[in-house]
C-alpha atoms as a PDB file:
ATOM      1  CA  MET A   1     167.835 127.582 101.284  1.00  0.00           C
ATOM      2  CA  ILE A   2     169.349 129.028  98.291  1.00  0.00           C
ATOM      3  CA  ASP A   3     171.784 126.540  96.659  1.00  0.00           C
ATOM      4  CA  LEU A   4     174.761 128.510  96.902  1.00  0.00           C
ATOM      5  CA  GLY A   5     176.867 125.529  95.408  1.00  0.00           C
ATOM      6  CA  THR A   6     175.272 125.973  92.340  1.00  0.00           C
ATOM      7  CA  LEU A   7     175.191 129.806  92.012  1.00  0.00           C
ATOM      8  CA  VAL A   8     178.516 130.521  93.771  1.00  0.00           C
ATOM      9  CA  THR A   9     180.950 127.997  93.534  1.00  0.00           C
ATOM     10  CA  PRO A  10     181.470 128.133  89.672  1.00  0.00           C
ATOM     11  CA  LEU A  11     182.493 131.473  90.036  1.00  0.00           C
ATOM     12  CA  LEU A  12     184.779 131.555  92.515  1.00  0.00           C
ATOM     13  CA  HIS A  13     186.421 128.440  90.838  1.00  0.00           C
ATOM     14  CA  ARG A  14     187.557 130.931  87.907  1.00  0.00           C
ATOM     15  CA  PHE A  15     189.769 132.387  90.641  1.00  0.00           C
ATOM     16  CA  ASP A  16     193.204 130.789  91.822  1.00  0.00           C
ATOM     17  CA  THR A  17     192.405 128.233  94.256  1.00  0.00           C
ATOM     18  CA  GLU A  18     193.663 130.382  97.398  1.00  0.00           C
ATOM     19  CA  THR A  19     192.089 133.717  96.407  1.00  0.00           C
ATOM     20  CA  ALA A  20     188.713 131.846  95.663  1.00  0.00           C
ATOM     21  CA  HIS A  21     189.189 130.350  99.295  1.00  0.00           C
ATOM     22  CA  GLU A  22     189.643 133.927 100.885  1.00  0.00           C
ATOM     23  CA  LEU A  23     186.929 135.419  98.787  1.00  0.00           C
ATOM     24  CA  ALA A  24     184.569 132.277 100.182  1.00  0.00           C
ATOM     25  CA  ILE A  25     185.430 133.040 103.677  1.00  0.00           C
ATOM     26  CA  HIS A  26     185.205 136.985 103.244  1.00  0.00           C
ATOM     27  CA  SER A  27     181.487 136.303 101.747  1.00  0.00           C
ATOM     28  CA  LEU A  28     180.817 134.237 104.714  1.00  0.00           C
ATOM     29  CA  ALA A  29     181.959 136.752 107.472  1.00  0.00           C
ATOM     30  CA  LEU A  30     179.564 139.424 105.760  1.00  0.00           C
ATOM     31  CA  GLY A  31     176.674 137.177 106.047  1.00  0.00           C
ATOM     32  CA  LEU A  32     176.209 135.884 102.675  1.00  0.00           C
ATOM     33  CA  GLY A  33     176.184 132.489 103.272  1.00  0.00           C
ATOM     34  CA  GLY A  34     172.405 131.548 103.864  1.00  0.00           C
ATOM     35  CA  HIS A  35     170.805 129.156 106.152  1.00  0.00           C
ATOM     36  CA  ALA A  36     170.193 125.537 106.366  1.00  0.00           C
ATOM     37  CA  PRO A  37     166.658 124.355 107.667  1.00  0.00           C
ATOM     38  CA  LYS A  38     166.683 122.481 111.048  1.00  0.00           C
ATOM     39  CA  ASP A  39     167.841 118.788 111.169  1.00  0.00           C
ATOM     40  CA  VAL A  40     165.591 115.956 111.508  1.00  0.00           C
ATOM     41  CA  PRO A  41     166.020 114.156 114.997  1.00  0.00           C
ATOM     42  CA  ALA A  42     167.293 111.062 112.874  1.00  0.00           C
ATOM     43  CA  LEU A  43     170.568 112.593 112.091  1.00  0.00           C
ATOM     44  CA  SER A  44     171.058 113.618 115.674  1.00  0.00           C
ATOM     45  CA  THR A  45     174.187 111.819 117.227  1.00  0.00           C
ATOM     46  CA  ARG A  46     175.999 112.167 120.960  1.00  0.00           C
ATOM     47  CA  THR A  47     179.497 111.535 121.354  1.00  0.00           C
ATOM     48  CA  LEU A  48     182.407 113.325 123.306  1.00  0.00           C
ATOM     49  CA  GLY A  49     179.337 114.210 125.699  1.00  0.00           C
ATOM     50  CA  LEU A  50     178.206 116.329 122.994  1.00  0.00           C
ATOM     51  CA  ARG A  51     175.119 116.591 121.201  1.00  0.00           C
ATOM     52  CA  PHE A  52     175.359 117.063 117.576  1.00  0.00           C
ATOM     53  CA  PRO A  53     172.662 118.045 114.836  1.00  0.00           C
ATOM     54  CA  ASN A  54     174.041 115.714 112.340  1.00  0.00           C
ATOM     55  CA  PRO A  55     177.002 113.712 111.849  1.00  0.00           C
ATOM     56  CA  ILE A  56     178.704 116.071 109.188  1.00  0.00           C
ATOM     57  CA  GLY A  57     181.502 118.112 110.301  1.00  0.00           C
ATOM     58  CA  LEU A  58     183.747 120.805 108.620  1.00  0.00           C
ATOM     59  CA  ALA A  59     187.618 119.991 108.896  1.00  0.00           C
ATOM     60  CA  ALA A  60     189.820 121.920 110.016  1.00  0.00           C
ATOM     61  CA  GLY A  61     192.097 123.828 107.304  1.00  0.00           C
ATOM     62  CA  PHE A  62     188.897 125.810 105.994  1.00  0.00           C
ATOM     63  CA  ASP A  63     188.529 128.276 108.839  1.00  0.00           C
ATOM     64  CA  LYS A  64     191.847 128.828 109.861  1.00  0.00           C
ATOM     65  CA  ASP A  65     191.383 132.217 111.392  1.00  0.00           C
ATOM     66  CA  ALA A  66     188.108 131.444 113.070  1.00  0.00           C
ATOM     67  CA  ARG A  67     186.684 134.175 110.717  1.00  0.00           C
ATOM     68  CA  ALA A  68     183.275 132.611 110.000  1.00  0.00           C
ATOM     69  CA  ILE A  69     182.284 130.109 112.293  1.00  0.00           C
ATOM     70  CA  ARG A  70     178.580 131.074 112.714  1.00  0.00           C
ATOM     71  CA  PRO A  71     177.952 131.295 109.325  1.00  0.00           C
ATOM     72  CA  LEU A  72     179.364 128.040 108.421  1.00  0.00           C
ATOM     73  CA  ALA A  73     177.484 126.453 111.199  1.00  0.00           C
ATOM     74  CA  LYS A  74     174.458 128.323 109.554  1.00  0.00           C
ATOM     75  CA  LEU A  75     174.979 126.628 106.459  1.00  0.00           C
ATOM     76  CA  GLY A  76     174.013 123.163 107.814  1.00  0.00           C
ATOM     77  CA  PHE A  77     177.156 121.209 109.423  1.00  0.00           C
ATOM     78  CA  GLY A  78     176.840 119.628 112.621  1.00  0.00           C
ATOM     79  CA  HIS A  79     180.218 121.099 113.603  1.00  0.00           C
ATOM     80  CA  ILE A  80     182.735 123.157 113.073  1.00  0.00           C
ATOM     81  CA  GLU A  81     186.753 122.478 113.606  1.00  0.00           C
ATOM     82  CA  ALA A  82     188.358 125.968 113.239  1.00  0.00           C
ATOM     83  CA  GLY A  83     192.054 126.224 112.681  1.00  0.00           C
ATOM     84  CA  THR A  84     195.071 124.863 112.589  1.00  0.00           C
ATOM     85  CA  VAL A  85     195.627 127.628 115.306  1.00  0.00           C
ATOM     86  CA  THR A  86     199.764 128.089 116.473  1.00  0.00           C
ATOM     87  CA  PRO A  87     200.861 130.029 119.096  1.00  0.00           C
ATOM     88  CA  ARG A  88     202.278 133.173 117.274  1.00  0.00           C
ATOM     89  CA  PRO A  89     201.078 134.360 113.561  1.00  0.00           C
ATOM     90  CA  GLN A  90     202.833 133.011 110.711  1.00  0.00           C
ATOM     91  CA  PRO A  91     202.652 133.641 106.986  1.00  0.00           C
ATOM     92  CA  GLY A  92     203.159 129.631 105.948  1.00  0.00           C
ATOM     93  CA  ASN A  93     204.931 128.399 102.915  1.00  0.00           C
ATOM     94  CA  PRO A  94     205.022 130.539  99.836  1.00  0.00           C
ATOM     95  CA  GLY A  95     202.530 130.121  97.076  1.00  0.00           C
ATOM     96  CA  PRO A  96     201.326 128.989  95.150  1.00  0.00           C
ATOM     97  CA  ARG A  97     200.001 126.965  97.767  1.00  0.00           C
ATOM     98  CA  LEU A  98     196.922 125.386  97.069  1.00  0.00           C
ATOM     99  CA  PHE A  99     195.606 123.381  94.299  1.00  0.00           C
ATOM    100  CA  ARG A 100     192.577 121.934  92.823  1.00  0.00           C
ATOM    101  CA  LEU A 101     192.312 118.549  90.985  1.00  0.00           C
ATOM    102  CA  VAL A 102     188.754 119.136  89.636  1.00  0.00           C
ATOM    103  CA  GLU A 103     188.661 116.048  87.555  1.00  0.00           C
ATOM    104  CA  ASP A 104     190.217 113.781  90.469  1.00  0.00           C
ATOM    105  CA  GLY A 105     187.765 115.331  93.223  1.00  0.00           C
ATOM    106  CA  ALA A 106     190.936 116.303  95.243  1.00  0.00           C
ATOM    107  CA  ILE A 107     192.968 119.256  96.687  1.00  0.00           C
ATOM    108  CA  ILE A 108     196.508 119.422  97.456  1.00  0.00           C
ATOM    109  CA  ASN A 109     197.693 122.070  99.902  1.00  0.00           C
ATOM    110  CA  ARG A 110     200.970 123.027 101.594  1.00  0.00           C
ATOM    111  CA  MET A 111     200.349 125.867 103.308  1.00  0.00           C
ATOM    112  CA  GLY A 112     202.008 125.434 106.309  1.00  0.00           C
ATOM    113  CA  PHE A 113     199.703 126.361 109.237  1.00  0.00           C
ATOM    114  CA  ASN A 114     199.558 130.183 107.628  1.00  0.00           C
ATOM    115  CA  GLY A 115     197.379 132.093 110.304  1.00  0.00           C
ATOM    116  CA  CYS A 116     196.652 134.798 112.720  1.00  0.00           C
ATOM    117  CA  GLY A 117     198.041 133.018 115.896  1.00  0.00           C
ATOM    118  CA  VAL A 118     196.278 132.182 119.104  1.00  0.00           C
ATOM    119  CA  ASP A 119     195.887 135.762 120.655  1.00  0.00           C
ATOM    120  CA  ARG A 120     193.947 137.047 117.631  1.00  0.00           C
ATOM    121  CA  PHE A 121     192.155 133.428 117.179  1.00  0.00           C
ATOM    122  CA  CYS A 122     191.009 133.451 120.520  1.00  0.00           C
ATOM    123  CA  ARG A 123     189.720 137.368 120.378  1.00  0.00           C
ATOM    124  CA  ARG A 124     187.611 136.234 117.926  1.00  0.00           C
ATOM    125  CA  LEU A 125     186.467 133.476 119.795  1.00  0.00           C
ATOM    126  CA  ALA A 126     185.480 135.601 122.614  1.00  0.00           C
ATOM    127  CA  ARG A 127     183.457 137.554 120.523  1.00  0.00           C
ATOM    128  CA  LEU A 128     181.194 134.440 119.634  1.00  0.00           C
ATOM    129  CA  HIS A 129     180.429 134.338 122.927  1.00  0.00           C
ATOM    130  CA  ARG A 130     179.309 137.850 124.120  1.00  0.00           C
ATOM    131  CA  PRO A 131     175.624 137.728 125.548  1.00  0.00           C
ATOM    132  CA  MET A 132     172.764 139.016 123.206  1.00  0.00           C
ATOM    133  CA  PRO A 133     170.783 142.126 124.486  1.00  0.00           C
ATOM    134  CA  ASN A 134     168.320 139.417 125.834  1.00  0.00           C
ATOM    135  CA  GLY A 135     170.770 138.179 128.161  1.00  0.00           C
ATOM    136  CA  ARG A 136     171.159 134.677 125.935  1.00  0.00           C
ATOM    137  CA  MET A 137     174.664 133.772 125.020  1.00  0.00           C
ATOM    138  CA  ARG A 138     175.384 133.566 121.301  1.00  0.00           C
ATOM    139  CA  GLY A 139     177.883 131.124 120.664  1.00  0.00           C
ATOM    140  CA  PRO A 140     178.732 129.185 117.209  1.00  0.00           C
ATOM    141  CA  THR A 141     175.165 127.108 117.370  1.00  0.00           C
ATOM    142  CA  VAL A 142     176.934 124.004 116.803  1.00  0.00           C
ATOM    143  CA  PRO A 143     179.546 122.719 118.609  1.00  0.00           C
ATOM    144  CA  LEU A 144     182.987 124.210 117.889  1.00  0.00           C
ATOM    145  CA  GLY A 145     186.394 122.179 117.901  1.00  0.00           C
ATOM    146  CA  VAL A 146     189.674 124.104 117.687  1.00  0.00           C
ATOM    147  CA  ASN A 147     192.512 122.201 116.053  1.00  0.00           C
ATOM    148  CA  ILE A 148     195.706 123.191 117.347  1.00  0.00           C
ATOM    149  CA  GLY A 149     199.494 122.999 116.072  1.00  0.00           C
ATOM    150  CA  ILE A 150     203.195 124.220 116.514  1.00  0.00           C
ATOM    151  CA  ASN A 151     204.773 126.915 114.529  1.00  0.00           C
ATOM    152  CA  LYS A 152     207.541 126.073 111.920  1.00  0.00           C
ATOM    153  CA  THR A 153     210.590 127.716 113.782  1.00  0.00           C
ATOM    154  CA  GLY A 154     211.280 128.263 117.859  1.00  0.00           C
ATOM    155  CA  SER A 155     208.359 125.871 118.516  1.00  0.00           C
ATOM    156  CA  ASP A 156     208.568 123.508 121.816  1.00  0.00           C
ATOM    157  CA  PRO A 157     205.647 121.033 121.812  1.00  0.00           C
ATOM    158  CA  LEU A 158     205.613 120.188 125.281  1.00  0.00           C
ATOM    159  CA  ARG A 159     205.388 123.736 126.145  1.00  0.00           C
ATOM    160  CA  ASP A 160     203.008 124.857 122.893  1.00  0.00           C
ATOM    161  CA  TYR A 161     200.531 122.066 123.151  1.00  0.00           C
ATOM    162  CA  PRO A 162     199.833 122.776 126.900  1.00  0.00           C
ATOM    163  CA  ASP A 163     199.692 126.329 126.693  1.00  0.00           C
ATOM    164  CA  LEU A 164     197.204 126.419 123.637  1.00  0.00           C
ATOM    165  CA  VAL A 165     195.088 124.052 124.876  1.00  0.00           C
ATOM    166  CA  ALA A 166     194.647 126.624 127.883  1.00  0.00           C
ATOM    167  CA  ARG A 167     194.311 129.453 126.004  1.00  0.00           C
ATOM    168  CA  VAL A 168     191.352 127.615 123.620  1.00  0.00           C
ATOM    169  CA  ARG A 169     189.853 126.079 126.577  1.00  0.00           C
ATOM    170  CA  PRO A 170     187.026 128.297 127.713  1.00  0.00           C
ATOM    171  CA  TYR A 171     185.679 128.781 123.757  1.00  0.00           C
ATOM    172  CA  ALA A 172     185.939 125.308 122.448  1.00  0.00           C
ATOM    173  CA  ASP A 173     183.696 122.645 122.851  1.00  0.00           C
ATOM    174  CA  TYR A 174     186.536 119.906 122.039  1.00  0.00           C
ATOM    175  CA  ILE A 175     189.872 120.419 121.058  1.00  0.00           C
ATOM    176  CA  THR A 176     192.283 118.647 118.534  1.00  0.00           C
ATOM    177  CA  MET A 177     195.969 118.129 118.287  1.00  0.00           C
ATOM    178  CA  ASN A 178     197.157 118.440 115.167  1.00  0.00           C
ATOM    179  CA  LEU A 179     200.268 116.103 115.027  1.00  0.00           C
ATOM    180  CA  SER A 180     200.231 115.034 110.939  1.00  0.00           C
ATOM    181  CA  SER A 181     200.110 117.826 108.845  1.00  0.00           C
ATOM    182  CA  PRO A 182     202.678 117.037 106.278  1.00  0.00           C
ATOM    183  CA  ASN A 183     203.602 120.529 105.271  1.00  0.00           C
ATOM    184  CA  THR A 184     205.370 121.692 109.105  1.00  0.00           C
ATOM    185  CA  PRO A 185     208.469 119.673 109.002  1.00  0.00           C
ATOM    186  CA  GLY A 186     208.988 117.371 112.363  1.00  0.00           C
ATOM    187  CA  LEU A 187     205.750 117.385 113.064  1.00  0.00           C
ATOM    188  CA  ARG A 188     204.582 113.974 112.185  1.00  0.00           C
ATOM    189  CA  ASP A 189     207.581 112.773 114.400  1.00  0.00           C
ATOM    190  CA  LEU A 190     205.085 113.392 117.400  1.00  0.00           C
ATOM    191  CA  GLN A 191     202.817 110.726 116.402  1.00  0.00           C
ATOM    192  CA  SER A 192     204.770 108.390 117.903  1.00  0.00           C
ATOM    193  CA  ALA A 193     203.311 106.368 120.958  1.00  0.00           C
ATOM    194  CA  THR A 194     206.061 107.714 123.422  1.00  0.00           C
ATOM    195  CA  MET A 195     206.182 111.423 122.428  1.00  0.00           C
ATOM    196  CA  LEU A 196     202.190 111.499 122.117  1.00  0.00           C
ATOM    197  CA  LYS A 197     202.217 110.102 125.794  1.00  0.00           C
ATOM    198  CA  GLU A 198     204.566 112.745 126.850  1.00  0.00           C
ATOM    199  CA  LEU A 199     202.154 115.360 125.371  1.00  0.00           C
ATOM    200  CA  LEU A 200     199.010 114.380 126.646  1.00  0.00           C
ATOM    201  CA  ASP A 201     200.987 114.092 130.140  1.00  0.00           C
ATOM    202  CA  ALA A 202     202.061 117.545 129.604  1.00  0.00           C
ATOM    203  CA  ILE A 203     198.578 118.661 128.384  1.00  0.00           C
ATOM    204  CA  ASN A 204     196.821 117.176 131.431  1.00  0.00           C
ATOM    205  CA  THR A 205     199.451 118.598 134.065  1.00  0.00           C
ATOM    206  CA  ARG A 206     198.537 122.182 132.483  1.00  0.00           C
ATOM    207  CA  ASN A 207     195.177 121.254 132.298  1.00  0.00           C
ATOM    208  CA  PRO A 208     193.268 119.159 134.759  1.00  0.00           C
ATOM    209  CA  GLU A 209     190.306 120.602 133.466  1.00  0.00           C
ATOM    210  CA  ARG A 210     189.848 120.692 130.128  1.00  0.00           C
ATOM    211  CA  PRO A 211     187.456 119.865 127.083  1.00  0.00           C
ATOM    212  CA  PRO A 212     187.357 116.644 125.223  1.00  0.00           C
ATOM    213  CA  LEU A 213     190.811 115.951 123.263  1.00  0.00           C
ATOM    214  CA  LEU A 214     191.783 114.493 120.145  1.00  0.00           C
ATOM    215  CA  VAL A 215     194.287 113.748 118.308  1.00  0.00           C
ATOM    216  CA  LYS A 216     194.251 113.749 114.419  1.00  0.00           C
ATOM    217  CA  LEU A 217     196.698 111.340 112.634  1.00  0.00           C
ATOM    218  CA  ALA A 218     198.181 110.878 109.101  1.00  0.00           C
ATOM    219  CA  PRO A 219     196.926 108.259 106.548  1.00  0.00           C
ATOM    220  CA  ASP A 220     200.654 107.365 105.998  1.00  0.00           C
ATOM    221  CA  LEU A 221     201.625 105.293 108.786  1.00  0.00           C
ATOM    222  CA  ASP A 222     202.583 101.626 108.524  1.00  0.00           C
ATOM    223  CA  ASP A 223     199.253  99.952 109.572  1.00  0.00           C
ATOM    224  CA  SER A 224     201.055  98.387 112.855  1.00  0.00           C
ATOM    225  CA  SER A 225     202.160 101.769 114.336  1.00  0.00           C
ATOM    226  CA  TYR A 226     198.243 102.357 115.055  1.00  0.00           C
ATOM    227  CA  GLU A 227     197.935  99.931 117.919  1.00  0.00           C
ATOM    228  CA  PRO A 228     200.309 101.692 119.794  1.00  0.00           C
ATOM    229  CA  ILE A 229     199.231 105.259 119.244  1.00  0.00           C
ATOM    230  CA  LEU A 230     195.783 104.433 120.245  1.00  0.00           C
ATOM    231  CA  GLU A 231     196.598 102.791 123.184  1.00  0.00           C
ATOM    232  CA  ALA A 232     198.970 105.952 124.044  1.00  0.00           C
ATOM    233  CA  ALA A 233     196.206 108.122 123.206  1.00  0.00           C
ATOM    234  CA  ILE A 234     193.815 106.223 125.862  1.00  0.00           C
ATOM    235  CA  GLU A 235     196.501 105.897 128.611  1.00  0.00           C
ATOM    236  CA  GLY A 236     197.412 109.909 128.117  1.00  0.00           C
ATOM    237  CA  GLY A 237     193.273 110.512 128.473  1.00  0.00           C
ATOM    238  CA  ALA A 238     192.382 111.672 124.803  1.00  0.00           C
ATOM    239  CA  GLN A 239     188.553 111.081 124.237  1.00  0.00           C
ATOM    240  CA  GLY A 240     188.859 110.612 120.770  1.00  0.00           C
ATOM    241  CA  LEU A 241     191.140 110.343 116.929  1.00  0.00           C
ATOM    242  CA  ILE A 242     190.320 111.892 113.767  1.00  0.00           C
ATOM    243  CA  LEU A 243     191.381 109.653 110.677  1.00  0.00           C
ATOM    244  CA  THR A 244     193.169 110.964 108.737  1.00  0.00           C
ATOM    245  CA  ASN A 245     194.810 113.927 107.566  1.00  0.00           C
ATOM    246  CA  THR A 246     196.046 114.672 104.145  1.00  0.00           C
ATOM    247  CA  THR A 247     198.379 112.030 102.616  1.00  0.00           C
ATOM    248  CA  ILE A 248     201.615 112.227 100.865  1.00  0.00           C
ATOM    249  CA  ALA A 249     201.284 109.674  98.609  1.00  0.00           C
ATOM    250  CA  ARG A 250     200.188 110.260  95.221  1.00  0.00           C
ATOM    251  CA  PRO A 251     197.966 107.614  93.685  1.00  0.00           C
ATOM    252  CA  ALA A 252     198.472 106.417  90.034  1.00  0.00           C
ATOM    253  CA  THR A 253     194.846 107.144  89.018  1.00  0.00           C
ATOM    254  CA  LEU A 254     195.388 110.996  89.338  1.00  0.00           C
ATOM    255  CA  HIS A 255     195.019 112.835  86.249  1.00  0.00           C
ATOM    256  CA  ASP A 256     195.058 116.395  86.974  1.00  0.00           C
ATOM    257  CA  PRO A 257     199.231 117.974  86.177  1.00  0.00           C
ATOM    258  CA  ALA A 258     198.841 119.691  89.507  1.00  0.00           C
ATOM    259  CA  ALA A 259     199.023 115.929  90.914  1.00  0.00           C
ATOM    260  CA  ARG A 260     202.828 116.675  90.778  1.00  0.00           C
ATOM    261  CA  GLU A 261     202.349 119.476  93.435  1.00  0.00           C
ATOM    262  CA  SER A 262     204.185 118.576  96.752  1.00  0.00           C
ATOM    263  CA  GLY A 263     202.107 118.840  99.811  1.00  0.00           C
ATOM    264  CA  GLY A 264     199.142 116.929 101.248  1.00  0.00           C
ATOM    265  CA  LEU A 265     196.839 115.325  99.068  1.00  0.00           C
ATOM    266  CA  SER A 266     193.034 115.421 100.131  1.00  0.00           C
ATOM    267  CA  GLY A 267     189.609 114.287  98.767  1.00  0.00           C
ATOM    268  CA  ARG A 268     188.527 111.480  96.439  1.00  0.00           C
ATOM    269  CA  PRO A 269     191.710 109.556  95.966  1.00  0.00           C
ATOM    270  CA  LEU A 270     192.346 109.660  99.903  1.00  0.00           C
ATOM    271  CA  ALA A 271     189.325 107.753 100.681  1.00  0.00           C
ATOM    272  CA  PRO A 272     190.700 104.047  99.775  1.00  0.00           C
ATOM    273  CA  ARG A 273     193.772 104.442 102.724  1.00  0.00           C
ATOM    274  CA  SER A 274     191.033 106.733 104.987  1.00  0.00           C
ATOM    275  CA  ARG A 275     188.589 103.468 105.157  1.00  0.00           C
ATOM    276  CA  GLU A 276     191.280 101.509 106.009  1.00  0.00           C
ATOM    277  CA  VAL A 277     192.654 103.415 108.550  1.00  0.00           C
ATOM    278  CA  LEU A 278     189.499 103.251 109.792  1.00  0.00           C
ATOM    279  CA  ARG A 279     189.072  99.587 109.990  1.00  0.00           C
ATOM    280  CA  ILE A 280     192.366  99.225 111.420  1.00  0.00           C
ATOM    281  CA  VAL A 281     191.788 101.418 114.125  1.00  0.00           C
ATOM    282  CA  SER A 282     187.885 100.699 114.821  1.00  0.00           C
ATOM    283  CA  GLY A 283     188.929  97.140 115.431  1.00  0.00           C
ATOM    284  CA  LEU A 284     191.437  97.758 117.698  1.00  0.00           C
ATOM    285  CA  ASN A 285     189.930 100.528 119.688  1.00  0.00           C
ATOM    286  CA  LYS A 286     186.311  98.715 120.132  1.00  0.00           C
ATOM    287  CA  GLY A 287     184.330 101.680 121.589  1.00  0.00           C
ATOM    288  CA  ARG A 288     186.869 103.037 123.873  1.00  0.00           C
ATOM    289  CA  LEU A 289     187.622 106.417 121.988  1.00  0.00           C
ATOM    290  CA  ALA A 290     185.209 108.692 119.996  1.00  0.00           C
ATOM    291  CA  LEU A 291     186.359 108.156 115.702  1.00  0.00           C
ATOM    292  CA  ILE A 292     185.691 111.302 113.668  1.00  0.00           C
ATOM    293  CA  SER A 293     186.713 109.703 109.824  1.00  0.00           C
ATOM    294  CA  CYS A 294     187.647 112.268 107.544  1.00  0.00           C
ATOM    295  CA  GLY A 295     188.937 111.728 103.512  1.00  0.00           C
ATOM    296  CA  GLY A 296     187.092 111.417 100.583  1.00  0.00           C
ATOM    297  CA  ILE A 297     183.930 111.599 101.848  1.00  0.00           C
ATOM    298  CA  GLU A 298     181.209 112.783  98.952  1.00  0.00           C
ATOM    299  CA  THR A 299     178.420 111.217  99.317  1.00  0.00           C
ATOM    300  CA  GLY A 300     175.401 110.372 102.347  1.00  0.00           C
ATOM    301  CA  GLU A 301     176.258 106.503 101.344  1.00  0.00           C
ATOM    302  CA  ASP A 302     179.993 107.384 101.995  1.00  0.00           C
ATOM    303  CA  ILE A 303     178.542 108.871 105.449  1.00  0.00           C
ATOM    304  CA  LEU A 304     176.588 106.030 106.391  1.00  0.00           C
ATOM    305  CA  ALA A 305     179.551 103.431 105.488  1.00  0.00           C
ATOM    306  CA  ARG A 306     181.846 105.336 107.867  1.00  0.00           C
ATOM    307  CA  ILE A 307     179.317 105.093 110.650  1.00  0.00           C
ATOM    308  CA  ARG A 308     178.820 101.489 110.127  1.00  0.00           C
ATOM    309  CA  MET A 309     182.452 100.952 110.071  1.00  0.00           C
ATOM    310  CA  GLY A 310     182.665 102.164 113.845  1.00  0.00           C
ATOM    311  CA  ALA A 311     182.876 106.006 113.046  1.00  0.00           C
ATOM    312  CA  ASP A 312     180.647 108.331 115.393  1.00  0.00           C
ATOM    313  CA  MET A 313     181.212 111.438 112.845  1.00  0.00           C
ATOM    314  CA  VAL A 314     182.373 112.443 109.443  1.00  0.00           C
ATOM    315  CA  GLN A 315     184.317 115.586 108.479  1.00  0.00           C
ATOM    316  CA  ILE A 316     184.443 117.061 104.876  1.00  0.00           C
ATOM    317  CA  TYR A 317     186.692 119.173 103.331  1.00  0.00           C
ATOM    318  CA  SER A 318     187.564 118.730  99.569  1.00  0.00           C
ATOM    319  CA  SER A 319     184.064 117.991  98.891  1.00  0.00           C
ATOM    320  CA  PHE A 320     182.721 121.068 100.554  1.00  0.00           C
ATOM    321  CA  VAL A 321     185.394 123.086  98.453  1.00  0.00           C
ATOM    322  CA  LEU A 322     185.022 121.958  95.127  1.00  0.00           C
ATOM    323  CA  GLN A 323     180.907 121.581  95.041  1.00  0.00           C
ATOM    324  CA  GLY A 324     180.211 124.168  97.655  1.00  0.00           C
ATOM    325  CA  PRO A 325     177.316 124.360 100.248  1.00  0.00           C
ATOM    326  CA  GLY A 326     175.160 122.571  97.991  1.00  0.00           C
ATOM    327  CA  ILE A 327     176.620 119.441  98.868  1.00  0.00           C
ATOM    328  CA  LEU A 328     175.489 119.527 102.703  1.00  0.00           C
ATOM    329  CA  PRO A 329     171.365 119.452 102.173  1.00  0.00           C
ATOM    330  CA  ARG A 330     172.378 116.913  99.271  1.00  0.00           C
ATOM    331  CA  MET A 331     174.293 114.639 101.613  1.00  0.00           C
ATOM    332  CA  LYS A 332     171.743 114.900 104.238  1.00  0.00           C
ATOM    333  CA  THR A 333     169.051 113.519 101.505  1.00  0.00           C
ATOM    334  CA  GLU A 334     171.108 110.718 100.565  1.00  0.00           C
ATOM    335  CA  LEU A 335     171.772 109.692 104.020  1.00  0.00           C
ATOM    336  CA  LEU A 336     168.364 109.367 105.343  1.00  0.00           C
ATOM    337  CA  ASP A 337     167.702 107.340 101.864  1.00  0.00           C
ATOM    338  CA  ALA A 338     170.441 105.206 103.151  1.00  0.00           C
ATOM    339  CA  MET A 339     168.855 104.411 107.010  1.00  0.00           C
ATOM    340  CA  ARG A 340     165.498 104.449 105.300  1.00  0.00           C
ATOM    341  CA  ARG A 341     166.748 101.334 102.713  1.00  0.00           C
ATOM    342  CA  ASP A 342     168.461  99.459 105.944  1.00  0.00           C
ATOM    343  CA  GLY A 343     165.813 100.038 108.036  1.00  0.00           C
ATOM    344  CA  LEU A 344     167.426 102.224 110.240  1.00  0.00           C
ATOM    345  CA  GLU A 345     165.216 104.681 112.306  1.00  0.00           C
ATOM    346  CA  THR A 346     168.461 107.201 113.438  1.00  0.00           C
ATOM    347  CA  ILE A 347     171.966 107.334 112.742  1.00  0.00           C
ATOM    348  CA  ALA A 348     172.833 106.172 116.065  1.00  0.00           C
ATOM    349  CA  ASP A 349     171.194 102.661 114.804  1.00  0.00           C
ATOM    350  CA  ALA A 350     174.040 102.669 112.598  1.00  0.00           C
ATOM    351  CA  HIS A 351     176.946 102.596 114.598  1.00  0.00           C
ATOM    352  CA  GLY A 352     179.514 100.365 114.273  1.00  0.00           C
ATOM    353  CA  VAL A 353     177.411  97.578 112.885  1.00  0.00           C
ATOM    354  CA  ASP A 354     180.302  96.880 110.521  1.00  0.00           C
ATOM    355  CA  ARG A 355     183.134  96.981 112.738  1.00  0.00           C
ATOM    356  CA  PRO A 356     186.049  94.353 112.689  1.00  0.00           C
ATOM    357  CA  ALA A 357     185.513  91.705 115.226  1.00  0.00           C
END
C-alpha cells in the first residue's frame, strides 16, 4: 500500500485543521485512499458477538456523516465508528473549533455535534448495503459502529436515544451512546448511574431487538463514579463501554499555544488518564462487558498494553489525524513484534493478562 501518511498528511497540515479534515473526507469519498493488505489471522479478535480483522478501530468524530466508511475500512482499520449523529441536522459550534497541537501530539475540538442529522445519515448507510450486480451485499467490509447523541436544543434524551437506536439499528453492527462529549451542554449529566439506567430501559422498551449497545464515558469523572455506572450499564443490558472520550483537563505538560482553547482534548496528553480509567473499570468489570480503550494510542506497544489491561479492542483518532493512514501498517507491525517478544500467538492470548485482581 502507498504510504499516504507520508505523501498526503504534510500537505493537509498546510490548511487549517477543519479545512484539512474536510479535504481528507472528500478525498476518501472519491476513492483516493488506497487499500491495505489483508490482516494476518493473529490480529483477529472476537467480541460483541462479532469478528474483527484486527483490534484497531477508528473512533467516532472523524466520519461524522458516514461519507467515507468503505474507503476508511480499506485503509486497514478493524472497525469504523461513524457519527456522532443527532436526530436533526445542526451546524455545531461557531469556528474556529478544531485545533492541532502537533508538538503535544494532541487535538482540541469543540465541534458540538455538527452533522447532517439521522435521516441523511441513514440514507447513506442504506446505500452502503445495496446489493451488487452479482447479488452479494456490499457492506462496509469491516464491522460498523454508529455513535448517537442529542441535539443542542429541543432534545429529550429519553425520547431521542431510543428513536436513534431504532433508526440506525438496521445498518449498525453495534451502537454507541455518546453521553460524554464536553461540547453539548448538559450531556455529561446523563452519565449518572440513575440516568443511564433510565435511558437503557427506554431503549430496550423501544427496541426489544437491537445490535450490541455500548456507552462512551468521559475521563473526567471521579474514580468512585465508574463502579455505579458500570453496574447500571450491566443491569440495563448494555454490552460494552468505550473508555474514554476527550477531556476538559489541561495537563501542565502542554506546550502549544492552542492548549488555551476550550473544548475536548484528545491524543497523547490523554493517555495517562485513559489508561487509569481502563485499569479501574477493567478491575471492576471482570469480563462482564466488552471494553474498548481510546485515548493517546500511538504505537503497537500501546495497543498491546491496553489489551493486556483488559481492553477487547482500541480506537484511535488524534494519532490518525496527525500522522495519517501510514500509522496503521506501522502499528500492526509493532503490535506483531511485541506479541512475538511476549510469546503470544494471537492477540486474544494477551487479553486481560495484566487486569487488576
